[in-house]
Amino acid sequence: MVARHGNGVVIAPCGDKMMGVLPRYIVRAVLAYSALVMAVLTILIGLYLFTTQQDEIGIGRYGVPDALLFVAGNLPVQVFNLLPIGALIVRSMGMLAIRSS
């Protein structure tokens, strides 16, 4: 059984009852913190990729726009590779919060 609200929102059932406020809050919080951790890791890996290209800038016709294009091309692969690390960081933060450390 699926409940539909007037604005098109579909709420999936959780067992016999609809998903309550607390589980939705937890899911939203976990996804928000995961996105925040991945954004920070993406920025750091982007800066790392750009700084590794600094030795190549100025050789021939390779300039800053080319280095930025290189970073933009390699960033999706690096983000995909960092997904498990991001999940581990979020889980570690959760464990620290549970233990009040």
N, C-alpha and C. Protein backbone atom coordinates (compact mmCIF):
# COMPACT_ATOMS: atom_id res chain seq x y z
N MET A 1 0.84 -1.18 0.00
CA MET A 1 0.00 0.00 0.00
C MET A 1 0.89 1.24 0.00
N VAL A 2 0.60 2.15 -0.88
CA VAL A 2 1.37 3.39 -1.00
C VAL A 2 0.41 4.56 -0.84
N ALA A 3 0.80 5.51 -0.02
CA ALA A 3 -0.04 6.70 0.19
C ALA A 3 0.44 7.81 -0.73
N ARG A 4 -0.51 8.47 -1.36
CA ARG A 4 -0.19 9.60 -2.23
C ARG A 4 -0.84 10.85 -1.66
N HIS A 5 -0.05 11.89 -1.61
CA HIS A 5 -0.57 13.16 -1.15
C HIS A 5 -0.91 14.02 -2.36
N GLY A 6 -1.61 15.11 -2.13
CA GLY A 6 -2.06 15.98 -3.21
C GLY A 6 -0.93 16.59 -4.03
N ASN A 7 0.24 16.80 -3.41
CA ASN A 7 1.35 17.43 -4.13
C ASN A 7 2.22 16.42 -4.87
N GLY A 8 1.78 15.16 -4.96
CA GLY A 8 2.52 14.16 -5.72
C GLY A 8 3.57 13.43 -4.93
N VAL A 9 3.66 13.67 -3.63
CA VAL A 9 4.65 13.00 -2.79
C VAL A 9 4.14 11.60 -2.49
N VAL A 10 5.01 10.63 -2.68
CA VAL A 10 4.67 9.24 -2.40
C VAL A 10 5.42 8.81 -1.15
N ILE A 11 4.69 8.26 -0.19
CA ILE A 11 5.30 7.78 1.04
C ILE A 11 5.24 6.27 1.02
N ALA A 12 6.39 5.63 1.07
CA ALA A 12 6.44 4.18 1.03
C ALA A 12 6.16 3.62 2.42
N PRO A 13 5.52 2.48 2.47
CA PRO A 13 5.22 1.90 3.77
C PRO A 13 6.47 1.34 4.43
N CYS A 14 6.46 1.33 5.74
CA CYS A 14 7.55 0.76 6.53
C CYS A 14 6.92 -0.31 7.41
N GLY A 15 6.88 -1.55 6.96
CA GLY A 15 6.18 -2.59 7.69
C GLY A 15 4.68 -2.39 7.51
N ASP A 16 3.95 -2.38 8.63
CA ASP A 16 2.50 -2.18 8.57
C ASP A 16 2.14 -0.70 8.59
N LYS A 17 3.07 0.14 9.03
CA LYS A 17 2.76 1.56 9.18
C LYS A 17 3.54 2.36 8.14
N MET A 18 3.10 3.59 7.92
CA MET A 18 3.82 4.49 7.03
C MET A 18 5.11 4.94 7.71
N MET A 19 6.08 5.36 6.90
CA MET A 19 7.33 5.84 7.46
C MET A 19 7.05 7.08 8.30
N GLY A 20 7.50 7.05 9.54
CA GLY A 20 7.23 8.15 10.46
C GLY A 20 8.18 9.31 10.27
N VAL A 21 8.03 10.28 11.15
CA VAL A 21 8.83 11.49 11.08
C VAL A 21 10.29 11.21 11.42
N LEU A 22 10.51 10.41 12.46
CA LEU A 22 11.88 10.13 12.90
C LEU A 22 12.71 9.40 11.85
N PRO A 23 12.21 8.32 11.23
CA PRO A 23 13.02 7.69 10.18
C PRO A 23 13.30 8.61 8.99
N ARG A 24 12.33 9.44 8.63
CA ARG A 24 12.58 10.39 7.53
C ARG A 24 13.66 11.39 7.92
N TYR A 25 13.63 11.85 9.18
CA TYR A 25 14.65 12.79 9.65
C TYR A 25 16.03 12.14 9.63
N ILE A 26 16.10 10.89 10.07
CA ILE A 26 17.39 10.19 10.11
C ILE A 26 17.93 10.00 8.70
N VAL A 27 17.07 9.58 7.78
CA VAL A 27 17.51 9.39 6.39
C VAL A 27 17.98 10.71 5.79
N ARG A 28 17.21 11.78 6.04
CA ARG A 28 17.59 13.09 5.51
C ARG A 28 18.90 13.57 6.10
N ALA A 29 19.12 13.35 7.41
CA ALA A 29 20.35 13.79 8.07
C ALA A 29 21.55 13.00 7.55
N VAL A 30 21.39 11.69 7.39
CA VAL A 30 22.50 10.87 6.89
C VAL A 30 22.86 11.27 5.47
N LEU A 31 21.86 11.48 4.63
CA LEU A 31 22.13 11.89 3.25
C LEU A 31 22.77 13.28 3.19
N ALA A 32 22.32 14.19 4.06
CA ALA A 32 22.90 15.54 4.07
C ALA A 32 24.36 15.51 4.50
N TYR A 33 24.66 14.75 5.56
CA TYR A 33 26.05 14.68 6.02
C TYR A 33 26.92 13.93 5.02
N SER A 34 26.37 12.93 4.37
CA SER A 34 27.13 12.22 3.34
C SER A 34 27.46 13.16 2.18
N ALA A 35 26.49 13.97 1.78
CA ALA A 35 26.73 14.93 0.70
C ALA A 35 27.76 15.97 1.11
N LEU A 36 27.72 16.40 2.37
CA LEU A 36 28.69 17.37 2.86
C LEU A 36 30.10 16.79 2.85
N VAL A 37 30.25 15.57 3.34
CA VAL A 37 31.56 14.92 3.35
C VAL A 37 32.07 14.73 1.93
N MET A 38 31.19 14.30 1.02
CA MET A 38 31.62 14.10 -0.36
C MET A 38 31.97 15.41 -1.04
N ALA A 39 31.27 16.49 -0.69
CA ALA A 39 31.62 17.80 -1.26
C ALA A 39 33.01 18.24 -0.81
N VAL A 40 33.31 18.04 0.46
CA VAL A 40 34.65 18.41 0.97
C VAL A 40 35.72 17.55 0.30
N LEU A 41 35.48 16.24 0.21
CA LEU A 41 36.46 15.37 -0.44
C LEU A 41 36.62 15.72 -1.92
N THR A 42 35.54 16.10 -2.58
CA THR A 42 35.62 16.49 -3.99
C THR A 42 36.45 17.75 -4.17
N ILE A 43 36.25 18.71 -3.30
CA ILE A 43 37.05 19.95 -3.38
C ILE A 43 38.52 19.64 -3.14
N LEU A 44 38.81 18.82 -2.15
CA LEU A 44 40.22 18.49 -1.85
C LEU A 44 40.87 17.73 -2.99
N ILE A 45 40.18 16.76 -3.57
CA ILE A 45 40.78 16.01 -4.68
C ILE A 45 40.91 16.88 -5.92
N GLY A 46 39.97 17.81 -6.12
CA GLY A 46 40.09 18.75 -7.24
C GLY A 46 41.31 19.66 -7.09
N LEU A 47 41.52 20.15 -5.88
CA LEU A 47 42.72 20.98 -5.64
C LEU A 47 43.99 20.17 -5.84
N TYR A 48 43.97 18.92 -5.38
CA TYR A 48 45.14 18.07 -5.55
C TYR A 48 45.43 17.83 -7.04
N LEU A 49 44.39 17.50 -7.80
CA LEU A 49 44.59 17.28 -9.23
C LEU A 49 45.10 18.53 -9.93
N PHE A 50 44.59 19.70 -9.53
CA PHE A 50 45.04 20.94 -10.16
C PHE A 50 46.49 21.25 -9.81
N THR A 51 46.87 21.02 -8.56
CA THR A 51 48.26 21.31 -8.18
C THR A 51 49.23 20.33 -8.83
N THR A 52 48.80 19.11 -9.11
CA THR A 52 49.70 18.19 -9.81
C THR A 52 49.92 18.61 -11.26
N GLN A 53 49.02 19.42 -11.80
CA GLN A 53 49.16 19.89 -13.17
C GLN A 53 50.00 21.17 -13.29
N GLN A 54 50.41 21.74 -12.17
CA GLN A 54 51.15 23.00 -12.21
C GLN A 54 52.49 22.87 -12.90
N ASP A 55 53.13 21.71 -12.82
CA ASP A 55 54.40 21.52 -13.52
C ASP A 55 54.23 21.50 -15.03
N GLU A 56 53.06 21.12 -15.50
CA GLU A 56 52.82 21.00 -16.94
C GLU A 56 52.39 22.32 -17.58
N ILE A 57 51.87 23.25 -16.77
CA ILE A 57 51.39 24.52 -17.31
C ILE A 57 52.59 25.31 -17.84
N GLY A 58 52.46 25.82 -19.04
CA GLY A 58 53.52 26.60 -19.66
C GLY A 58 54.38 25.80 -20.61
N ILE A 59 54.24 24.50 -20.62
CA ILE A 59 54.99 23.66 -21.56
C ILE A 59 54.17 23.54 -22.82
N GLY A 60 54.71 24.05 -23.91
CA GLY A 60 53.98 24.04 -25.18
C GLY A 60 52.78 24.97 -25.09
N ARG A 61 51.64 24.49 -25.51
CA ARG A 61 50.42 25.30 -25.48
C ARG A 61 49.50 24.89 -24.33
N TYR A 62 50.02 24.16 -23.37
CA TYR A 62 49.23 23.69 -22.23
C TYR A 62 49.15 24.80 -21.20
N GLY A 63 47.93 25.32 -20.97
CA GLY A 63 47.75 26.43 -20.04
C GLY A 63 46.78 26.08 -18.93
N VAL A 64 46.39 27.10 -18.18
CA VAL A 64 45.47 26.92 -17.05
C VAL A 64 44.11 26.37 -17.51
N PRO A 65 43.54 26.88 -18.62
CA PRO A 65 42.26 26.29 -19.05
C PRO A 65 42.37 24.79 -19.35
N ASP A 66 43.51 24.38 -19.90
CA ASP A 66 43.71 22.96 -20.18
C ASP A 66 43.83 22.16 -18.89
N ALA A 67 44.49 22.73 -17.88
CA ALA A 67 44.60 22.05 -16.59
C ALA A 67 43.24 21.93 -15.92
N LEU A 68 42.42 22.98 -16.01
CA LEU A 68 41.07 22.92 -15.45
C LEU A 68 40.21 21.89 -16.18
N LEU A 69 40.40 21.79 -17.49
CA LEU A 69 39.67 20.79 -18.26
C LEU A 69 40.11 19.38 -17.86
N PHE A 70 41.40 19.21 -17.60
CA PHE A 70 41.91 17.92 -17.12
C PHE A 70 41.28 17.56 -15.78
N VAL A 71 41.20 18.53 -14.86
CA VAL A 71 40.60 18.29 -13.55
C VAL A 71 39.12 17.95 -13.70
N ALA A 72 38.41 18.69 -14.54
CA ALA A 72 36.98 18.44 -14.74
C ALA A 72 36.74 17.06 -15.36
N GLY A 73 37.64 16.62 -16.19
CA GLY A 73 37.50 15.30 -16.80
C GLY A 73 37.81 14.16 -15.86
N ASN A 74 38.74 14.36 -14.94
CA ASN A 74 39.14 13.30 -14.03
C ASN A 74 38.36 13.29 -12.72
N LEU A 75 37.69 14.38 -12.40
CA LEU A 75 37.00 14.49 -11.12
C LEU A 75 35.88 13.46 -10.93
N PRO A 76 35.04 13.17 -11.92
CA PRO A 76 33.99 12.16 -11.69
C PRO A 76 34.54 10.78 -11.32
N VAL A 77 35.63 10.37 -11.95
CA VAL A 77 36.24 9.08 -11.63
C VAL A 77 36.77 9.09 -10.20
N GLN A 78 37.42 10.19 -9.82
CA GLN A 78 37.98 10.29 -8.47
C GLN A 78 36.87 10.31 -7.42
N VAL A 79 35.77 11.00 -7.71
CA VAL A 79 34.65 11.04 -6.76
C VAL A 79 34.06 9.64 -6.60
N PHE A 80 33.92 8.92 -7.70
CA PHE A 80 33.41 7.55 -7.61
C PHE A 80 34.33 6.67 -6.77
N ASN A 81 35.64 6.87 -6.92
CA ASN A 81 36.60 6.11 -6.13
C ASN A 81 36.56 6.50 -4.65
N LEU A 82 36.15 7.73 -4.34
CA LEU A 82 36.13 8.20 -2.96
C LEU A 82 34.82 7.91 -2.24
N LEU A 83 33.81 7.38 -2.91
CA LEU A 83 32.53 7.10 -2.27
C LEU A 83 32.65 6.17 -1.06
N PRO A 84 33.42 5.08 -1.12
CA PRO A 84 33.55 4.24 0.08
C PRO A 84 34.24 4.97 1.23
N ILE A 85 35.19 5.81 0.93
CA ILE A 85 35.89 6.56 1.98
C ILE A 85 34.93 7.56 2.62
N GLY A 86 34.12 8.21 1.80
CA GLY A 86 33.13 9.14 2.34
C GLY A 86 32.13 8.45 3.24
N ALA A 87 31.68 7.25 2.83
CA ALA A 87 30.75 6.49 3.66
C ALA A 87 31.40 6.07 4.97
N LEU A 88 32.67 5.71 4.92
CA LEU A 88 33.39 5.33 6.13
C LEU A 88 33.54 6.52 7.08
N ILE A 89 33.79 7.69 6.54
CA ILE A 89 33.92 8.88 7.37
C ILE A 89 32.59 9.20 8.04
N VAL A 90 31.48 9.11 7.30
CA VAL A 90 30.16 9.38 7.89
C VAL A 90 29.85 8.35 8.97
N ARG A 91 30.16 7.09 8.73
CA ARG A 91 29.93 6.05 9.73
C ARG A 91 30.79 6.29 10.96
N SER A 92 32.03 6.69 10.78
CA SER A 92 32.91 6.97 11.92
C SER A 92 32.38 8.14 12.73
N MET A 93 31.88 9.17 12.05
CA MET A 93 31.31 10.31 12.77
C MET A 93 30.08 9.88 13.55
N GLY A 94 29.29 8.98 12.99
CA GLY A 94 28.12 8.47 13.70
C GLY A 94 28.50 7.67 14.93
N MET A 95 29.54 6.86 14.80
CA MET A 95 29.98 6.07 15.96
C MET A 95 30.52 6.97 17.06
N LEU A 96 31.23 8.03 16.69
CA LEU A 96 31.72 8.98 17.70
C LEU A 96 30.56 9.70 18.38
N ALA A 97 29.53 10.00 17.60
CA ALA A 97 28.36 10.69 18.18
C ALA A 97 27.61 9.78 19.15
N ILE A 98 27.53 8.50 18.82
CA ILE A 98 26.84 7.55 19.69
C ILE A 98 27.56 7.42 21.02
N ARG A 99 28.88 7.39 20.96
CA ARG A 99 29.68 7.23 22.19
C ARG A 99 29.95 8.55 22.89
N SER A 100 29.43 9.64 22.34
CA SER A 100 29.62 10.98 22.90
C SER A 100 31.10 11.33 23.05
N SER A 101 31.89 10.96 22.05
CA SER A 101 33.33 11.25 22.10
C SER A 101 33.64 12.58 21.47
